[in-house]
Amino acid sequence: MKYYRPIKPFKAISFDLDDTLYDNHPIIKKAEDNILIHLNNTYPELAELTQKQWLLYRDLIVKEFPEVRHDVSLWRIKTLTRIMTIYGIPQFKAIAYANAAFDQFIALRSDFVVPQQSIDLLEKLAHSYPVIAITNGNVDEFKIQLQDKFQFILKAGNGFKSKPQGDLFIEAAQRLNIEVSDILHVGDHLLSDVYGAQNNGAQAVWFNPNQQSLSGARLLPSVEISSLEQLYNIV
């Protein structure tokens, strides 16, 4: 545990979800592999679609529609629809199929159990502070049984720009009737979480279980922790 600046009093704690409360990398890898198999097997036109081709079209979509960077769900649906039409599926069918495939992906990427220590931490902190979640991701909080562990969960998209933009932090403060500076944000990502929180006036706790370097940081966190249980030393 490392302090880079003194912790000021705070009134609420916000958490990132992916790679903070659970290890998301293997979950997403498995979901991406399985959704490609699903597309190959479900739609004859996509039988030869590869991961490389998927990534190519995904990158083309964000160049054409830069705003989808702030909404990973919309980005995926647009990419699926574009691929399906290019591979010969009629537009009206592609839209329906893309939404069905997206639902399948969300089910796959939400097919895991949140570690019990994360659940215990959220429940204990909630006795003393409002606990919320601020995420750029699209996990199904009901399927992973986090829906009742927060006062609310804010997700990028639907008019909110993704972290490190300030939209989600500002919205959280307004809902809690506090200032952004009253929020202590906990997350793993140096740009979206640490810089996003600090640059918008909140305090940031950097969750760094793998001992990554700070060399890519734009702003220092208030505190660096290697396990979530170390939060008990702060609150």
C-alpha atoms as a PDB file:
ATOM      1  CA  MET A   1       0.000   0.000   0.000  1.00  0.00           C
ATOM      2  CA  LYS A   2       1.462   3.335  -1.097  1.00  0.00           C
ATOM      3  CA  TYR A   3       0.255   6.863  -0.381  1.00  0.00           C
ATOM      4  CA  TYR A   4       1.056   9.492  -3.014  1.00  0.00           C
ATOM      5  CA  ARG A   5      -0.999  12.280  -1.433  1.00  0.00           C
ATOM      6  CA  PRO A   6      -3.018  12.617   1.768  1.00  0.00           C
ATOM      7  CA  ILE A   7      -6.554  11.243   1.663  1.00  0.00           C
ATOM      8  CA  LYS A   8      -9.070  14.011   2.226  1.00  0.00           C
ATOM      9  CA  PRO A   9     -12.445  13.349   3.853  1.00  0.00           C
ATOM     10  CA  PHE A  10     -14.938  11.788   1.436  1.00  0.00           C
ATOM     11  CA  LYS A  11     -18.648  11.032   1.519  1.00  0.00           C
ATOM     12  CA  ALA A  12     -19.074   8.182  -0.993  1.00  0.00           C
ATOM     13  CA  ILE A  13     -17.064   5.373  -2.564  1.00  0.00           C
ATOM     14  CA  SER A  14     -17.319   4.437  -6.215  1.00  0.00           C
ATOM     15  CA  PHE A  15     -15.948   1.278  -7.780  1.00  0.00           C
ATOM     16  CA  ASP A  16     -14.962   0.329 -11.264  1.00  0.00           C
ATOM     17  CA  LEU A  17     -16.241  -3.183 -12.049  1.00  0.00           C
ATOM     18  CA  ASP A  18     -14.149  -5.002 -14.676  1.00  0.00           C
ATOM     19  CA  ASP A  19     -10.676  -5.957 -13.423  1.00  0.00           C
ATOM     20  CA  THR A  20     -11.330  -4.304 -10.081  1.00  0.00           C
ATOM     21  CA  LEU A  21     -13.957  -6.431  -8.342  1.00  0.00           C
ATOM     22  CA  TYR A  22     -13.100  -9.462 -10.490  1.00  0.00           C
ATOM     23  CA  ASP A  23     -10.490 -10.511 -13.061  1.00  0.00           C
ATOM     24  CA  ASN A  24     -12.153  -9.654 -16.349  1.00  0.00           C
ATOM     25  CA  HIS A  25      -9.404 -10.565 -18.819  1.00  0.00           C
ATOM     26  CA  PRO A  26     -10.011 -14.349 -18.995  1.00  0.00           C
ATOM     27  CA  ILE A  27     -13.783 -13.759 -18.928  1.00  0.00           C
ATOM     28  CA  ILE A  28     -13.713 -11.460 -21.960  1.00  0.00           C
ATOM     29  CA  LYS A  29     -11.239 -13.703 -23.810  1.00  0.00           C
ATOM     30  CA  LYS A  30     -13.524 -16.694 -23.370  1.00  0.00           C
ATOM     31  CA  ALA A  31     -16.610 -14.678 -24.339  1.00  0.00           C
ATOM     32  CA  GLU A  32     -14.943 -13.345 -27.503  1.00  0.00           C
ATOM     33  CA  ASP A  33     -13.844 -16.855 -28.509  1.00  0.00           C
ATOM     34  CA  ASN A  34     -17.289 -18.322 -27.871  1.00  0.00           C
ATOM     35  CA  ILE A  35     -19.262 -15.585 -29.611  1.00  0.00           C
ATOM     36  CA  LEU A  36     -17.174 -16.081 -32.725  1.00  0.00           C
ATOM     37  CA  ILE A  37     -17.959 -19.802 -32.631  1.00  0.00           C
ATOM     38  CA  HIS A  38     -21.623 -18.920 -32.154  1.00  0.00           C
ATOM     39  CA  LEU A  39     -21.574 -16.621 -35.204  1.00  0.00           C
ATOM     40  CA  ASN A  40     -19.738 -19.201 -37.304  1.00  0.00           C
ATOM     41  CA  ASN A  41     -22.200 -21.944 -36.406  1.00  0.00           C
ATOM     42  CA  THR A  42     -25.432 -19.928 -36.432  1.00  0.00           C
ATOM     43  CA  TYR A  43     -25.148 -17.937 -39.640  1.00  0.00           C
ATOM     44  CA  PRO A  44     -23.854 -19.757 -42.753  1.00  0.00           C
ATOM     45  CA  GLU A  45     -22.728 -16.446 -44.238  1.00  0.00           C
ATOM     46  CA  LEU A  46     -20.369 -15.975 -41.272  1.00  0.00           C
ATOM     47  CA  ALA A  47     -18.948 -19.498 -41.233  1.00  0.00           C
ATOM     48  CA  GLU A  48     -15.490 -18.244 -42.228  1.00  0.00           C
ATOM     49  CA  LEU A  49     -15.437 -15.098 -40.097  1.00  0.00           C
ATOM     50  CA  THR A  50     -12.197 -14.871 -38.099  1.00  0.00           C
ATOM     51  CA  GLN A  51     -11.163 -12.900 -35.038  1.00  0.00           C
ATOM     52  CA  LYS A  52      -8.803 -10.855 -37.185  1.00  0.00           C
ATOM     53  CA  GLN A  53     -11.646  -9.849 -39.497  1.00  0.00           C
ATOM     54  CA  TRP A  54     -13.878  -9.020 -36.530  1.00  0.00           C
ATOM     55  CA  LEU A  55     -11.217  -6.668 -35.121  1.00  0.00           C
ATOM     56  CA  LEU A  56     -10.720  -5.046 -38.523  1.00  0.00           C
ATOM     57  CA  TYR A  57     -14.415  -4.195 -38.857  1.00  0.00           C
ATOM     58  CA  ARG A  58     -14.586  -3.071 -35.234  1.00  0.00           C
ATOM     59  CA  ASP A  59     -11.765  -0.598 -35.885  1.00  0.00           C
ATOM     60  CA  LEU A  60     -13.433   0.622 -39.080  1.00  0.00           C
ATOM     61  CA  ILE A  61     -16.678   1.304 -37.221  1.00  0.00           C
ATOM     62  CA  VAL A  62     -15.001   3.478 -34.602  1.00  0.00           C
ATOM     63  CA  LYS A  63     -13.253   5.477 -37.320  1.00  0.00           C
ATOM     64  CA  GLU A  64     -16.607   6.050 -39.003  1.00  0.00           C
ATOM     65  CA  PHE A  65     -18.514   6.665 -35.758  1.00  0.00           C
ATOM     66  CA  PRO A  66     -15.998   7.976 -33.166  1.00  0.00           C
ATOM     67  CA  GLU A  67     -18.758   8.458 -30.578  1.00  0.00           C
ATOM     68  CA  VAL A  68     -19.170   4.677 -30.163  1.00  0.00           C
ATOM     69  CA  ARG A  69     -15.972   4.688 -28.088  1.00  0.00           C
ATOM     70  CA  HIS A  70     -18.211   5.902 -25.288  1.00  0.00           C
ATOM     71  CA  ASP A  71     -20.719   3.044 -25.661  1.00  0.00           C
ATOM     72  CA  VAL A  72     -19.184  -0.407 -26.022  1.00  0.00           C
ATOM     73  CA  SER A  73     -22.613  -2.015 -26.448  1.00  0.00           C
ATOM     74  CA  LEU A  74     -23.552   0.220 -29.374  1.00  0.00           C
ATOM     75  CA  TRP A  75     -20.075  -0.278 -30.826  1.00  0.00           C
ATOM     76  CA  ARG A  76     -20.525  -4.052 -30.814  1.00  0.00           C
ATOM     77  CA  ILE A  77     -24.035  -3.936 -32.281  1.00  0.00           C
ATOM     78  CA  LYS A  78     -22.933  -1.597 -35.088  1.00  0.00           C
ATOM     79  CA  THR A  79     -19.947  -3.835 -35.832  1.00  0.00           C
ATOM     80  CA  LEU A  80     -22.117  -6.961 -35.905  1.00  0.00           C
ATOM     81  CA  THR A  81     -24.650  -5.303 -38.178  1.00  0.00           C
ATOM     82  CA  ARG A  82     -21.974  -4.066 -40.575  1.00  0.00           C
ATOM     83  CA  ILE A  83     -20.290  -7.468 -40.776  1.00  0.00           C
ATOM     84  CA  MET A  84     -23.559  -9.260 -41.406  1.00  0.00           C
ATOM     85  CA  THR A  85     -24.591  -6.936 -44.222  1.00  0.00           C
ATOM     86  CA  ILE A  86     -21.154  -7.072 -45.840  1.00  0.00           C
ATOM     87  CA  TYR A  87     -21.246 -10.875 -45.717  1.00  0.00           C
ATOM     88  CA  GLY A  88     -24.580 -10.953 -47.519  1.00  0.00           C
ATOM     89  CA  ILE A  89     -27.269 -10.940 -44.856  1.00  0.00           C
ATOM     90  CA  PRO A  90     -30.128  -8.538 -45.765  1.00  0.00           C
ATOM     91  CA  GLN A  91     -30.193  -5.336 -43.732  1.00  0.00           C
ATOM     92  CA  PHE A  92     -33.515  -5.991 -41.982  1.00  0.00           C
ATOM     93  CA  LYS A  93     -32.329  -9.418 -40.891  1.00  0.00           C
ATOM     94  CA  ALA A  94     -28.859  -8.176 -39.963  1.00  0.00           C
ATOM     95  CA  ILE A  95     -30.297  -5.696 -37.460  1.00  0.00           C
ATOM     96  CA  ALA A  96     -32.328  -8.394 -35.710  1.00  0.00           C
ATOM     97  CA  TYR A  97     -29.506 -10.939 -35.849  1.00  0.00           C
ATOM     98  CA  ALA A  98     -26.968  -8.421 -34.534  1.00  0.00           C
ATOM     99  CA  ASN A  99     -29.119  -7.646 -31.507  1.00  0.00           C
ATOM    100  CA  ALA A 100     -29.629 -11.370 -30.851  1.00  0.00           C
ATOM    101  CA  ALA A 101     -25.874 -11.985 -31.122  1.00  0.00           C
ATOM    102  CA  PHE A 102     -25.219  -9.068 -28.794  1.00  0.00           C
ATOM    103  CA  ASP A 103     -27.573 -10.558 -26.190  1.00  0.00           C
ATOM    104  CA  GLN A 104     -25.669 -13.823 -26.518  1.00  0.00           C
ATOM    105  CA  PHE A 105     -22.372 -12.017 -25.982  1.00  0.00           C
ATOM    106  CA  ILE A 106     -23.636 -10.262 -22.845  1.00  0.00           C
ATOM    107  CA  ALA A 107     -24.739 -13.629 -21.470  1.00  0.00           C
ATOM    108  CA  LEU A 108     -21.276 -15.059 -22.185  1.00  0.00           C
ATOM    109  CA  ARG A 109     -19.322 -12.124 -20.754  1.00  0.00           C
ATOM    110  CA  SER A 110     -21.509 -12.183 -17.624  1.00  0.00           C
ATOM    111  CA  ASP A 111     -21.116 -15.915 -17.017  1.00  0.00           C
ATOM    112  CA  PHE A 112     -18.970 -15.859 -13.886  1.00  0.00           C
ATOM    113  CA  VAL A 113     -19.138 -15.504 -10.115  1.00  0.00           C
ATOM    114  CA  VAL A 114     -17.803 -12.405  -8.382  1.00  0.00           C
ATOM    115  CA  PRO A 115     -15.267 -13.372  -5.690  1.00  0.00           C
ATOM    116  CA  GLN A 116     -16.828 -13.556  -2.248  1.00  0.00           C
ATOM    117  CA  GLN A 117     -14.199 -11.223  -0.786  1.00  0.00           C
ATOM    118  CA  SER A 118     -15.374  -8.508  -3.168  1.00  0.00           C
ATOM    119  CA  ILE A 119     -18.987  -9.053  -2.109  1.00  0.00           C
ATOM    120  CA  ASP A 120     -18.008  -8.958   1.558  1.00  0.00           C
ATOM    121  CA  LEU A 121     -16.073  -5.729   1.050  1.00  0.00           C
ATOM    122  CA  LEU A 122     -18.987  -3.967  -0.663  1.00  0.00           C
ATOM    123  CA  GLU A 123     -21.416  -5.045   2.025  1.00  0.00           C
ATOM    124  CA  LYS A 124     -19.164  -3.885   4.858  1.00  0.00           C
ATOM    125  CA  LEU A 125     -18.370  -0.528   3.257  1.00  0.00           C
ATOM    126  CA  ALA A 126     -22.073   0.074   2.632  1.00  0.00           C
ATOM    127  CA  HIS A 127     -22.608   0.270   6.404  1.00  0.00           C
ATOM    128  CA  SER A 128     -20.536   3.470   6.492  1.00  0.00           C
ATOM    129  CA  TYR A 129     -20.735   5.046   3.026  1.00  0.00           C
ATOM    130  CA  PRO A 130     -22.915   5.196  -0.057  1.00  0.00           C
ATOM    131  CA  VAL A 131     -21.284   2.660  -2.389  1.00  0.00           C
ATOM    132  CA  ILE A 132     -21.800   3.018  -6.140  1.00  0.00           C
ATOM    133  CA  ALA A 133     -20.275   1.665  -9.355  1.00  0.00           C
ATOM    134  CA  ILE A 134     -18.975   3.640 -12.339  1.00  0.00           C
ATOM    135  CA  THR A 135     -18.037   1.527 -15.343  1.00  0.00           C
ATOM    136  CA  ASN A 136     -17.241   1.796 -19.031  1.00  0.00           C
ATOM    137  CA  GLY A 137     -18.263  -1.839 -19.472  1.00  0.00           C
ATOM    138  CA  ASN A 138     -21.538  -3.622 -20.138  1.00  0.00           C
ATOM    139  CA  VAL A 139     -21.605  -6.562 -17.767  1.00  0.00           C
ATOM    140  CA  ASP A 140     -25.066  -7.744 -16.683  1.00  0.00           C
ATOM    141  CA  GLU A 141     -25.040  -6.858 -12.993  1.00  0.00           C
ATOM    142  CA  PHE A 142     -28.122  -9.012 -12.369  1.00  0.00           C
ATOM    143  CA  LYS A 143     -26.500 -12.145 -13.756  1.00  0.00           C
ATOM    144  CA  ILE A 144     -23.388 -11.655 -11.610  1.00  0.00           C
ATOM    145  CA  GLN A 145     -25.592 -10.714  -8.623  1.00  0.00           C
ATOM    146  CA  LEU A 146     -24.188  -7.247  -8.021  1.00  0.00           C
ATOM    147  CA  GLN A 147     -27.456  -5.410  -8.660  1.00  0.00           C
ATOM    148  CA  ASP A 148     -28.198  -4.960  -4.952  1.00  0.00           C
ATOM    149  CA  LYS A 149     -24.639  -4.259  -3.780  1.00  0.00           C
ATOM    150  CA  PHE A 150     -24.649  -0.619  -4.897  1.00  0.00           C
ATOM    151  CA  GLN A 151     -26.952   2.323  -4.463  1.00  0.00           C
ATOM    152  CA  PHE A 152     -26.743   2.568  -8.249  1.00  0.00           C
ATOM    153  CA  ILE A 153     -24.533   1.553 -11.168  1.00  0.00           C
ATOM    154  CA  LEU A 154     -23.606   4.083 -13.839  1.00  0.00           C
ATOM    155  CA  LYS A 155     -22.507   2.802 -17.250  1.00  0.00           C
ATOM    156  CA  ALA A 156     -20.985   4.750 -20.111  1.00  0.00           C
ATOM    157  CA  GLY A 157     -23.276   5.242 -23.102  1.00  0.00           C
ATOM    158  CA  ASN A 158     -26.822   6.507 -23.424  1.00  0.00           C
ATOM    159  CA  GLY A 159     -25.612  10.089 -23.357  1.00  0.00           C
ATOM    160  CA  PHE A 160     -22.773   9.594 -20.860  1.00  0.00           C
ATOM    161  CA  LYS A 161     -19.211   9.723 -22.170  1.00  0.00           C
ATOM    162  CA  SER A 162     -16.910   7.022 -20.870  1.00  0.00           C
ATOM    163  CA  LYS A 163     -14.193   7.533 -18.298  1.00  0.00           C
ATOM    164  CA  PRO A 164     -11.831   9.423 -18.193  1.00  0.00           C
ATOM    165  CA  GLN A 165     -14.411  12.010 -19.275  1.00  0.00           C
ATOM    166  CA  GLY A 166     -16.224  13.523 -16.320  1.00  0.00           C
ATOM    167  CA  ASP A 167     -19.819  12.658 -17.241  1.00  0.00           C
ATOM    168  CA  LEU A 168     -20.204   9.634 -14.997  1.00  0.00           C
ATOM    169  CA  PHE A 169     -18.487  11.254 -12.005  1.00  0.00           C
ATOM    170  CA  ILE A 170     -20.645  14.360 -12.337  1.00  0.00           C
ATOM    171  CA  GLU A 171     -23.825  12.300 -12.665  1.00  0.00           C
ATOM    172  CA  ALA A 172     -22.874  10.247  -9.612  1.00  0.00           C
ATOM    173  CA  ALA A 173     -22.305  13.353  -7.503  1.00  0.00           C
ATOM    174  CA  GLN A 174     -25.622  14.851  -8.606  1.00  0.00           C
ATOM    175  CA  ARG A 175     -27.517  11.669  -7.745  1.00  0.00           C
ATOM    176  CA  LEU A 176     -25.870  11.552  -4.320  1.00  0.00           C
ATOM    177  CA  ASN A 177     -26.339  15.292  -3.771  1.00  0.00           C
ATOM    178  CA  ILE A 178     -22.632  15.773  -3.075  1.00  0.00           C
ATOM    179  CA  GLU A 179     -19.650  17.283  -4.894  1.00  0.00           C
ATOM    180  CA  VAL A 180     -17.418  15.236  -7.198  1.00  0.00           C
ATOM    181  CA  SER A 181     -14.613  15.998  -4.756  1.00  0.00           C
ATOM    182  CA  ASP A 182     -16.550  14.028  -2.123  1.00  0.00           C
ATOM    183  CA  ILE A 183     -16.114  10.789  -4.109  1.00  0.00           C
ATOM    184  CA  LEU A 184     -13.345   8.266  -3.513  1.00  0.00           C
ATOM    185  CA  HIS A 185     -13.060   6.197  -6.703  1.00  0.00           C
ATOM    186  CA  VAL A 186     -11.451   2.744  -6.756  1.00  0.00           C
ATOM    187  CA  GLY A 187     -10.272   1.272 -10.048  1.00  0.00           C
ATOM    188  CA  ASP A 188      -7.530  -0.580 -11.865  1.00  0.00           C
ATOM    189  CA  HIS A 189      -7.004   1.584 -14.950  1.00  0.00           C
ATOM    190  CA  LEU A 190      -4.476   4.408 -14.861  1.00  0.00           C
ATOM    191  CA  LEU A 191      -6.257   6.410 -17.556  1.00  0.00           C
ATOM    192  CA  SER A 192      -9.976   5.774 -17.140  1.00  0.00           C
ATOM    193  CA  ASP A 193     -10.004   5.356 -13.353  1.00  0.00           C
ATOM    194  CA  VAL A 194      -7.038   7.196 -11.859  1.00  0.00           C
ATOM    195  CA  TYR A 195      -6.769  10.068 -14.324  1.00  0.00           C
ATOM    196  CA  GLY A 196     -10.534  10.121 -14.828  1.00  0.00           C
ATOM    197  CA  ALA A 197     -11.204  10.538 -11.121  1.00  0.00           C
ATOM    198  CA  GLN A 198      -8.336  12.866 -10.244  1.00  0.00           C
ATOM    199  CA  ASN A 199      -8.747  15.100 -13.306  1.00  0.00           C
ATOM    200  CA  ASN A 200     -12.429  15.605 -12.547  1.00  0.00           C
ATOM    201  CA  GLY A 201     -11.936  16.437  -8.874  1.00  0.00           C
ATOM    202  CA  ALA A 202     -12.476  13.069  -7.170  1.00  0.00           C
ATOM    203  CA  GLN A 203      -9.847  11.119  -5.264  1.00  0.00           C
ATOM    204  CA  ALA A 204      -8.499   7.912  -6.794  1.00  0.00           C
ATOM    205  CA  VAL A 205      -7.411   4.633  -5.272  1.00  0.00           C
ATOM    206  CA  TRP A 206      -5.408   2.651  -7.807  1.00  0.00           C
ATOM    207  CA  PHE A 207      -6.020  -1.093  -7.534  1.00  0.00           C
ATOM    208  CA  ASN A 208      -2.755  -2.628  -8.767  1.00  0.00           C
ATOM    209  CA  PRO A 209      -2.613  -6.337  -7.873  1.00  0.00           C
ATOM    210  CA  ASN A 210      -0.053  -7.144 -10.582  1.00  0.00           C
ATOM    211  CA  GLN A 211       2.482  -4.482  -9.576  1.00  0.00           C
ATOM    212  CA  GLN A 212       2.254  -2.534 -12.820  1.00  0.00           C
ATOM    213  CA  SER A 213       4.451   0.506 -13.367  1.00  0.00           C
ATOM    214  CA  LEU A 214       3.179   4.045 -12.908  1.00  0.00           C
ATOM    215  CA  SER A 215       5.107   5.141 -16.003  1.00  0.00           C
ATOM    216  CA  GLY A 216       1.928   5.565 -18.047  1.00  0.00           C
ATOM    217  CA  ALA A 217       0.107   7.638 -15.452  1.00  0.00           C
ATOM    218  CA  ARG A 218      -1.067  11.155 -16.358  1.00  0.00           C
ATOM    219  CA  LEU A 219      -1.866  11.920 -12.727  1.00  0.00           C
ATOM    220  CA  LEU A 220      -0.827  10.080  -9.592  1.00  0.00           C
ATOM    221  CA  PRO A 221      -3.499   8.335  -7.541  1.00  0.00           C
ATOM    222  CA  SER A 222      -4.046   9.264  -3.955  1.00  0.00           C
ATOM    223  CA  VAL A 223      -3.284   5.707  -2.865  1.00  0.00           C
ATOM    224  CA  GLU A 224      -2.118   2.500  -4.529  1.00  0.00           C
ATOM    225  CA  ILE A 225      -3.337  -0.836  -3.177  1.00  0.00           C
ATOM    226  CA  SER A 226      -2.482  -4.387  -4.180  1.00  0.00           C
ATOM    227  CA  SER A 227      -5.563  -6.013  -2.603  1.00  0.00           C
ATOM    228  CA  LEU A 228      -9.068  -4.694  -2.109  1.00  0.00           C
ATOM    229  CA  GLU A 229      -8.937  -5.582   1.576  1.00  0.00           C
ATOM    230  CA  GLN A 230      -6.406  -2.759   2.035  1.00  0.00           C
ATOM    231  CA  LEU A 231      -9.307  -0.340   1.582  1.00  0.00           C
ATOM    232  CA  TYR A 232     -10.225  -1.085   5.194  1.00  0.00           C
ATOM    233  CA  ASN A 233      -7.048   0.813   6.170  1.00  0.00           C
ATOM    234  CA  ILE A 234      -8.322   3.895   4.371  1.00  0.00           C
ATOM    235  CA  VAL A 235     -11.943   4.000   5.506  1.00  0.00           C
END
